[in-house]
């Protein structure tokens, strides 16, 4: 069984050099990183990721 993460680029990312986000989801965690600087990774629980997506979809900022 492979433990390597499978990263996916955001559908909002373009190839024009702008901000690009990659996500790798696992059953117990979701990992987020900058596609241009893949060193730092933010890891959150799936419930937290879904809450973030819901806020982002509604355009909520704090």
Foldseek 3Di string as FASTA:
>chain_A
DDPDFDWDWDPPDDPPPDWIKIWTDDQAWIWIDTPVDRPDIDIDGPVVVVVVVVCVVVVDDD
